[in-house]
Structures are given as structure tokens and as C-alpha cells.
């Protein structure tokens, strides 16, 4: 997968960072358990299983039952980290998540790998492009989409201290590492990565790197662009986003997800309620994917810096016409 050309720190898959971070936090906390549905290698839980075999639960190809096991661990005072592919978690066990975890507000951490269209060659049936909307709709559920491996590791550490159910979406492919170890992650807080008063780009996941490239191109044209990493889709950082709407007057959202119900929908809901401004959404537009390399699919479905730039120009045009 080709990387954006703006400053990055190499490439690494977020699922790799998850596996490493979970082993680290479990070392000092015996409450942490890891569950998977016959995907320990894909979910990067091999090291956890080897280090803490008594706290690793292989649930087999029975994702719905796995949610019940996690709920039981949670009510017993454990902190279960439950992993599968995003098409299976939440796709195959949504009712169990809703009834057994969200409604009783249990302390279960769902961390799904293989989210989005960049699952790549596995094709349409393996590409989860709507699950963020599904999880956002559940009461009590926190929803997080880390931008890179550094933020993933920091999010895993933050989840241990956070009470309540959380869904974290990770990817399969290696992606640009945007942050260094000094980056500060906080649940519910958007991070300002680039300041500007003409336009705001709010991005999550792999689209953060694309947003930074877009901001550099726009800057060369004299357009001062604010870039926000909105890694927590729920609860959203209302203060930061409303301020961005007020101060820049237009917003572009960018996500590896359908434009319905994910980051774009959340931002549109928020600014409509508090400070209406033009919002252009970059994402997958009411269709499903196909087989291809991650980069090929990003280009075909408009998940690129070029598409963000085009959306920015549309948003600026709408802003001047108001």
C-alpha cells in the first residue's frame, strides 16, 4: 500500500500495535483477558496466548457465544478484550452485543481488525464499511478509530482505565505512522494536527494521513486548513468541532467507511445542532467494494488526498455563497 508523502514515521499495521500493546498492559494487570473466534494470528493475539495462556480464551467460530463469555468475565470483575474481524464483530453478533453488553453497560472492550475497504483482496464480503454506524447507534458504547500504530497502542492503554463498553476499529494493512511517541491520546478528544482558519478537515483512521497531505497541497494555494484527528467518534469532542465550524466556516470529513452514519454523519449531526456550516463528506458512497490491493481500492472509491482536496474546494465554494 503506497503511503502519503507528507512526514510520516514508516509503516505499520494497527493490528500489530494492538497485539503488542495488549501483552504490555496485561503484564501488570491480571484482570485483562483476551478472547478471539479462531483468529488469534489475524488478530495478533499469538504473543498474548503464549504469555498468558490462563487468560486467553479461544472461543472458536462462535462469535455470538463469545459475547456471552465476555459478558460473564466482565460481571466477574475481569476486563475482556474481544477480537475478531470487523465483518463478524459486530456484524455476526450485533444482537448479543446490544443485549448482553451495551444494555447492562458492561466493561467489555471490542477490538476488531480488518476494518474498512483496505482488507483488500479478500473482497466485498470481508470488507466492513458500515459497522461504525452500527456501533455508534448503541447507547453506552464508545467508538474509536485510531489513525496509526502509535495511537492504537495508546488507545489500548487508555481502555484499561475506561469503564464501559468500547468498540475499536483496526485495519489489516500496514499504514503510515503519523505520530511519534510523544503524541497524547485521550478518549473523547480530537487532536489538532494542522491549524488554519479557512477550512477544517476532520478525519479518522487511515484518512488522517491523507488529510495531512491534502492540507499541504491546499496550503500551497493559500488555503489555511485545520486538520483534526477525530479518533473518538463517540463521544465526539463537541467543543473542538463546534469551535472549528465557527472559526473556519466549512468542514470536510474523511473516513474509510460509508458516508452514512460514521464520522461524516456524526459531524453533520453536531454542527447542524450547534453551528450550521457546509459539510462535505469523503467516504464510500452507498456501494460495496471489490477485490484489489488496498491502494487500488482507496483510489477507486475516492479515499485519497485528491478527493479531500476536491471536497475542500466544494466546501469553500458553498461557504462563499452563503
Protein backbone atom coordinates (compact mmCIF):
# COMPACT_ATOMS: atom_id res chain seq x y z
CA UNK A 1 0.00 0.00 0.00
CA UNK A 2 1.58 3.29 -1.13
CA UNK A 3 1.82 5.89 1.60
CA UNK A 4 1.10 9.61 1.53
CA UNK A 5 4.20 11.73 1.06
CA UNK A 6 3.75 14.11 3.98
CA UNK A 7 6.00 13.49 7.01
CA UNK A 8 5.42 10.03 8.49
CA UNK A 9 7.42 7.58 10.58
CA UNK A 10 7.33 4.47 8.41
CA UNK A 11 4.51 1.96 8.00
CA UNK A 12 2.89 -0.41 10.48
CA UNK A 13 -0.46 -2.17 10.76
CA UNK A 14 -2.66 -1.06 13.63
CA UNK A 15 -3.47 -4.70 14.41
CA UNK A 16 0.24 -5.32 15.02
CA UNK A 17 0.36 -2.46 17.51
CA UNK A 18 -2.73 -3.85 19.24
CA UNK A 19 -1.18 -7.25 19.83
CA UNK A 20 2.00 -5.73 21.24
CA UNK A 21 0.20 -3.24 23.48
CA UNK A 22 -2.19 -5.82 24.91
CA UNK A 23 0.70 -8.02 26.04
CA UNK A 24 2.30 -4.99 27.68
CA UNK A 25 -0.76 -3.82 29.63
CA UNK A 26 -1.66 -7.37 30.67
CA UNK A 27 1.76 -7.82 32.25
CA UNK A 28 0.79 -5.61 35.17
CA UNK A 29 -2.94 -6.24 35.28
CA UNK A 30 -4.29 -9.76 35.87
CA UNK A 31 -7.83 -8.60 35.14
CA UNK A 32 -7.10 -8.43 31.41
CA UNK A 33 -8.30 -11.37 29.30
CA UNK A 34 -8.16 -11.82 25.52
CA UNK A 35 -10.88 -13.60 23.54
CA UNK A 36 -10.98 -14.45 19.87
CA UNK A 37 -13.05 -16.54 17.48
CA UNK A 38 -10.43 -18.76 15.82
CA UNK A 39 -8.43 -15.73 14.64
CA UNK A 40 -5.56 -15.43 17.10
CA UNK A 41 -2.98 -14.93 14.35
CA UNK A 42 -5.04 -12.47 12.29
CA UNK A 43 -6.00 -10.56 15.45
CA UNK A 44 -2.33 -10.60 16.51
CA UNK A 45 -3.02 -12.40 19.78
CA UNK A 46 -0.38 -15.15 19.43
CA UNK A 47 2.01 -13.42 21.83
CA UNK A 48 -0.76 -12.87 24.40
CA UNK A 49 -1.80 -16.52 24.20
CA UNK A 50 1.80 -17.63 24.70
CA UNK A 51 2.46 -15.27 27.61
CA UNK A 52 -0.87 -15.58 29.42
CA UNK A 53 -2.39 -18.89 28.42
CA UNK A 54 -4.62 -18.87 31.51
CA UNK A 55 -6.14 -15.57 30.39
CA UNK A 56 -6.55 -16.37 26.70
CA UNK A 57 -9.93 -17.78 25.64
CA UNK A 58 -10.27 -19.39 22.22
CA UNK A 59 -14.00 -19.32 21.51
CA UNK A 60 -13.89 -20.90 18.06
CA UNK A 61 -16.12 -19.89 15.19
CA UNK A 62 -18.92 -18.91 17.57
CA UNK A 63 -18.87 -15.13 17.78
CA UNK A 64 -22.31 -14.84 19.34
CA UNK A 65 -21.34 -17.18 22.16
CA UNK A 66 -18.06 -15.26 22.56
CA UNK A 67 -20.02 -12.15 23.55
CA UNK A 68 -21.72 -14.10 26.32
CA UNK A 69 -18.36 -15.36 27.58
CA UNK A 70 -17.03 -11.79 27.60
CA UNK A 71 -20.10 -10.55 29.47
CA UNK A 72 -19.59 -13.23 32.11
CA UNK A 73 -15.96 -12.24 32.55
CA UNK A 74 -16.95 -8.57 32.86
CA UNK A 75 -19.50 -9.17 35.60
CA UNK A 76 -16.80 -11.17 37.42
CA UNK A 77 -14.54 -8.13 37.53
CA UNK A 78 -12.33 -9.01 34.56
CA UNK A 79 -11.53 -6.74 31.61
CA UNK A 80 -12.15 -8.81 28.47
CA UNK A 81 -10.67 -7.66 25.16
CA UNK A 82 -12.74 -9.38 22.47
CA UNK A 83 -11.39 -9.57 18.92
CA UNK A 84 -12.48 -10.80 15.53
CA UNK A 85 -12.79 -9.43 12.00
CA UNK A 86 -14.96 -6.31 11.81
CA UNK A 87 -17.43 -8.06 9.49
CA UNK A 88 -18.02 -10.62 12.26
CA UNK A 89 -17.72 -8.27 15.24
CA UNK A 90 -20.21 -6.57 15.23
CA UNK A 91 -21.67 -7.98 12.02
CA UNK A 92 -22.39 -11.51 13.17
CA UNK A 93 -23.19 -10.82 16.82
CA UNK A 94 -24.86 -7.40 16.96
CA UNK A 95 -27.87 -8.57 18.95
CA UNK A 96 -25.68 -10.17 21.59
CA UNK A 97 -23.55 -7.02 21.88
CA UNK A 98 -26.69 -4.93 22.27
CA UNK A 99 -28.44 -7.10 24.85
CA UNK A 100 -25.55 -8.63 26.81
CA UNK A 101 -23.07 -5.74 26.86
CA UNK A 102 -24.49 -2.38 25.80
CA UNK A 103 -27.76 -2.52 27.71
CA UNK A 104 -26.18 -3.57 31.04
CA UNK A 105 -23.25 -1.21 30.30
CA UNK A 106 -20.58 -3.86 30.91
CA UNK A 107 -16.86 -3.24 30.84
CA UNK A 108 -16.10 -5.15 27.61
CA UNK A 109 -13.58 -3.94 25.02
CA UNK A 110 -14.31 -4.94 21.43
CA UNK A 111 -11.25 -4.59 19.20
CA UNK A 112 -11.88 -5.67 15.62
CA UNK A 113 -9.20 -5.99 12.99
CA UNK A 114 -9.69 -5.98 9.21
CA UNK A 115 -11.98 -2.95 9.25
CA UNK A 116 -12.76 -0.96 6.12
CA UNK A 117 -12.14 -1.48 2.45
CA UNK A 118 -8.38 -1.91 2.83
CA UNK A 119 -8.92 -5.54 3.79
CA UNK A 120 -8.16 -5.61 0.07
CA UNK A 121 -8.03 -8.79 -1.97
CA UNK A 122 -10.45 -10.68 0.31
CA UNK A 123 -13.19 -8.69 -1.39
CA UNK A 124 -16.65 -7.37 -0.70
CA UNK A 125 -17.89 -9.89 1.85
CA UNK A 126 -14.83 -9.32 4.07
CA UNK A 127 -14.90 -5.51 3.97
CA UNK A 128 -16.71 -3.89 6.90
CA UNK A 129 -17.75 -0.43 5.73
CA UNK A 130 -20.83 0.22 7.87
CA UNK A 131 -20.01 -1.13 11.33
CA UNK A 132 -19.05 2.23 12.84
CA UNK A 133 -22.62 3.39 12.23
CA UNK A 134 -23.90 0.21 13.86
CA UNK A 135 -21.81 0.67 16.98
CA UNK A 136 -22.40 4.43 17.22
CA UNK A 137 -26.12 3.72 17.45
CA UNK A 138 -25.75 1.66 20.65
CA UNK A 139 -26.30 3.53 23.90
CA UNK A 140 -23.33 3.41 26.30
CA UNK A 141 -20.91 2.41 23.50
CA UNK A 142 -17.68 4.37 22.94
CA UNK A 143 -16.33 4.16 19.38
CA UNK A 144 -12.67 4.70 18.50
CA UNK A 145 -10.79 4.58 15.16
CA UNK A 146 -7.05 5.07 15.69
CA UNK A 147 -5.09 6.81 12.95
CA UNK A 148 -1.95 4.71 13.21
CA UNK A 149 0.04 2.21 15.26
CA UNK A 150 1.17 4.77 17.86
CA UNK A 151 -2.38 5.91 18.58
CA UNK A 152 -3.56 2.30 18.69
CA UNK A 153 -1.08 1.41 21.42
CA UNK A 154 -2.03 4.46 23.44
CA UNK A 155 -5.74 3.71 23.00
CA UNK A 156 -5.27 0.17 24.33
CA UNK A 157 -3.67 1.58 27.47
CA UNK A 158 -6.49 4.11 27.86
CA UNK A 159 -9.15 1.40 27.56
CA UNK A 160 -7.91 -0.33 30.69
CA UNK A 161 -8.78 2.73 32.80
CA UNK A 162 -12.05 3.47 30.96
CA UNK A 163 -15.21 1.96 32.40
CA UNK A 164 -17.85 0.74 29.97
CA UNK A 165 -18.12 -0.91 26.57
CA UNK A 166 -15.84 0.28 23.76
CA UNK A 167 -15.52 -0.59 20.09
CA UNK A 168 -12.12 -0.05 18.45
CA UNK A 169 -11.72 -0.48 14.71
CA UNK A 170 -8.31 -1.53 13.39
CA UNK A 171 -7.03 -2.43 9.94
CA UNK A 172 -5.27 -5.27 8.19
CA UNK A 173 -2.69 -3.49 6.03
CA UNK A 174 0.38 -1.54 7.07
CA UNK A 175 -0.43 2.18 7.10
CA UNK A 176 1.60 5.37 7.59
CA UNK A 177 2.71 6.06 11.15
CA UNK A 178 1.65 9.68 11.62
CA UNK A 179 2.55 10.22 15.28
CA UNK A 180 5.66 9.81 17.40
CA UNK A 181 5.74 8.50 20.95
CA UNK A 182 5.10 11.97 22.35
CA UNK A 183 1.55 12.02 20.96
CA UNK A 184 -1.08 12.33 23.70
CA UNK A 185 -4.26 10.29 23.19
CA UNK A 186 -7.41 10.83 25.24
CA UNK A 187 -10.78 9.18 24.75
CA UNK A 188 -13.32 11.75 23.57
CA UNK A 189 -10.74 14.33 22.47
CA UNK A 190 -9.92 15.36 18.91
CA UNK A 191 -6.30 16.24 18.20
CA UNK A 192 -5.31 19.37 16.28
CA UNK A 193 -2.64 18.32 13.78
CA UNK A 194 -2.57 21.37 11.50
CA UNK A 195 -4.03 24.81 12.18
CA UNK A 196 -5.86 27.10 9.79
CA UNK A 197 -8.89 29.35 9.60
CA UNK A 198 -10.23 28.85 6.06
CA UNK A 199 -11.41 25.26 6.28
CA UNK A 200 -11.41 22.24 8.61
CA UNK A 201 -10.69 18.65 7.63
CA UNK A 202 -11.93 16.18 10.25
CA UNK A 203 -10.54 12.70 9.61
CA UNK A 204 -10.19 9.34 11.31
CA UNK A 205 -8.24 6.15 10.75
CA UNK A 206 -6.09 5.86 7.65
CA UNK A 207 -7.66 9.03 6.24
CA UNK A 208 -5.72 11.18 8.73
CA UNK A 209 -2.52 10.72 6.72
CA UNK A 210 -4.40 11.59 3.52
CA UNK A 211 -5.86 14.68 5.20
CA UNK A 212 -2.39 15.95 6.13
CA UNK A 213 -1.23 15.56 2.52
CA UNK A 214 -4.34 17.44 1.36
CA UNK A 215 -3.67 20.25 3.83
CA UNK A 216 -0.14 20.69 2.46
CA UNK A 217 -1.44 20.95 -1.11
CA UNK A 218 -4.14 23.41 -0.11
CA UNK A 219 -1.59 25.50 1.80
CA UNK A 220 0.42 25.88 -1.40
CA UNK A 221 -2.70 27.50 -2.89
CA UNK A 222 -3.02 29.85 0.07
CA UNK A 223 -5.82 27.93 1.78
CA UNK A 224 -5.22 27.71 5.52
CA UNK A 225 -6.55 24.32 6.54
CA UNK A 226 -7.18 22.98 10.03
CA UNK A 227 -6.76 19.20 10.34
CA UNK A 228 -8.39 17.34 13.24
CA UNK A 229 -7.78 13.71 14.08
CA UNK A 230 -11.22 12.69 15.34
CA UNK A 231 -10.28 9.22 16.55
CA UNK A 232 -13.18 9.06 19.02
CA UNK A 233 -16.39 9.06 17.01
CA UNK A 234 -18.47 8.64 20.16
CA UNK A 235 -18.47 10.55 22.43
CA UNK A 236 -17.46 13.21 19.95
CA UNK A 237 -15.35 16.19 21.01
CA UNK A 238 -18.18 18.68 20.62
CA UNK A 239 -16.24 21.67 21.90
CA UNK A 240 -13.39 21.27 19.40
CA UNK A 241 -15.61 20.54 16.41
CA UNK A 242 -18.10 23.30 17.08
CA UNK A 243 -15.20 25.74 17.50
CA UNK A 244 -13.79 24.53 14.19
CA UNK A 245 -17.13 25.11 12.49
CA UNK A 246 -17.41 28.58 13.98
CA UNK A 247 -13.83 29.62 13.24
CA UNK A 248 -13.30 28.08 9.79
CA UNK A 249 -16.84 28.14 8.40
CA UNK A 250 -16.65 24.87 6.44
CA UNK A 251 -15.79 21.22 7.19
CA UNK A 252 -14.69 18.22 5.15
CA UNK A 253 -14.91 14.80 6.79
CA UNK A 254 -12.78 11.87 5.63
CA UNK A 255 -13.24 8.24 6.65
CA UNK A 256 -12.77 4.68 5.39
CA UNK A 257 -16.46 3.95 5.89
CA UNK A 258 -19.76 4.66 4.24
CA UNK A 259 -20.63 8.35 4.37
CA UNK A 260 -23.83 7.36 6.19
CA UNK A 261 -23.72 7.12 9.96
CA UNK A 262 -19.98 7.25 10.60
CA UNK A 263 -17.72 10.25 11.10
CA UNK A 264 -19.40 12.31 8.38
CA UNK A 265 -22.84 11.69 9.78
CA UNK A 266 -21.72 12.42 13.33
CA UNK A 267 -20.10 15.72 12.37
CA UNK A 268 -23.11 16.76 10.29
CA UNK A 269 -25.43 16.00 13.22
CA UNK A 270 -23.26 18.02 15.56
CA UNK A 271 -22.77 21.17 13.51
CA UNK A 272 -26.41 21.19 12.39
CA UNK A 273 -27.41 21.34 16.04
CA UNK A 274 -24.84 23.91 17.20
CA UNK A 275 -23.36 25.93 14.33
CA UNK A 276 -24.50 25.01 10.81
CA UNK A 277 -21.79 25.25 8.13
CA UNK A 278 -21.22 23.49 4.80
CA UNK A 279 -20.07 19.89 5.36
CA UNK A 280 -18.62 17.75 2.56
CA UNK A 281 -18.18 14.04 3.28
CA UNK A 282 -15.39 11.93 1.80
CA UNK A 283 -16.03 8.22 2.18
CA UNK A 284 -17.62 5.24 0.48
CA UNK A 285 -20.72 6.39 -1.32
CA UNK A 286 -23.57 3.90 -0.88
CA UNK A 287 -21.88 0.93 -2.51
CA UNK A 288 -19.81 -2.10 -1.64
CA UNK A 289 -16.21 -2.82 -2.50
CA UNK A 290 -14.45 -5.46 -4.56
CA UNK A 291 -11.16 -7.35 -4.62
CA UNK A 292 -7.99 -5.33 -5.12
CA UNK A 293 -4.93 -4.03 -3.35
CA UNK A 294 -5.62 -1.56 -0.53
CA UNK A 295 -4.24 1.37 -2.53
CA UNK A 296 -6.16 0.42 -5.67
CA UNK A 297 -9.38 0.33 -3.68
CA UNK A 298 -8.70 3.62 -1.93
CA UNK A 299 -8.17 5.28 -5.30
CA UNK A 300 -11.20 3.69 -6.95
CA UNK A 301 -13.54 4.59 -4.09
CA UNK A 302 -12.23 8.11 -3.55
CA UNK A 303 -10.37 7.66 -0.27
CA UNK A 304 -7.42 9.84 -1.23
CA UNK A 305 -5.88 13.24 -0.62
CA UNK A 306 -7.01 14.26 -4.12
CA UNK A 307 -10.64 13.58 -3.22
CA UNK A 308 -10.28 15.50 0.04
CA UNK A 309 -8.86 18.46 -1.90
CA UNK A 310 -11.79 18.35 -4.34
CA UNK A 311 -14.24 18.23 -1.42
CA UNK A 312 -12.43 21.14 0.23
CA UNK A 313 -12.89 23.27 -2.88
CA UNK A 314 -16.59 22.39 -2.98
CA UNK A 315 -16.95 23.29 0.69
CA UNK A 316 -15.17 26.62 0.18
CA UNK A 317 -17.43 27.42 -2.76
CA UNK A 318 -20.50 26.71 -0.66
CA UNK A 319 -19.06 28.83 2.14
CA UNK A 320 -18.64 31.88 -0.10
CA UNK A 321 -22.20 31.55 -1.45
CA UNK A 322 -23.86 31.66 1.97
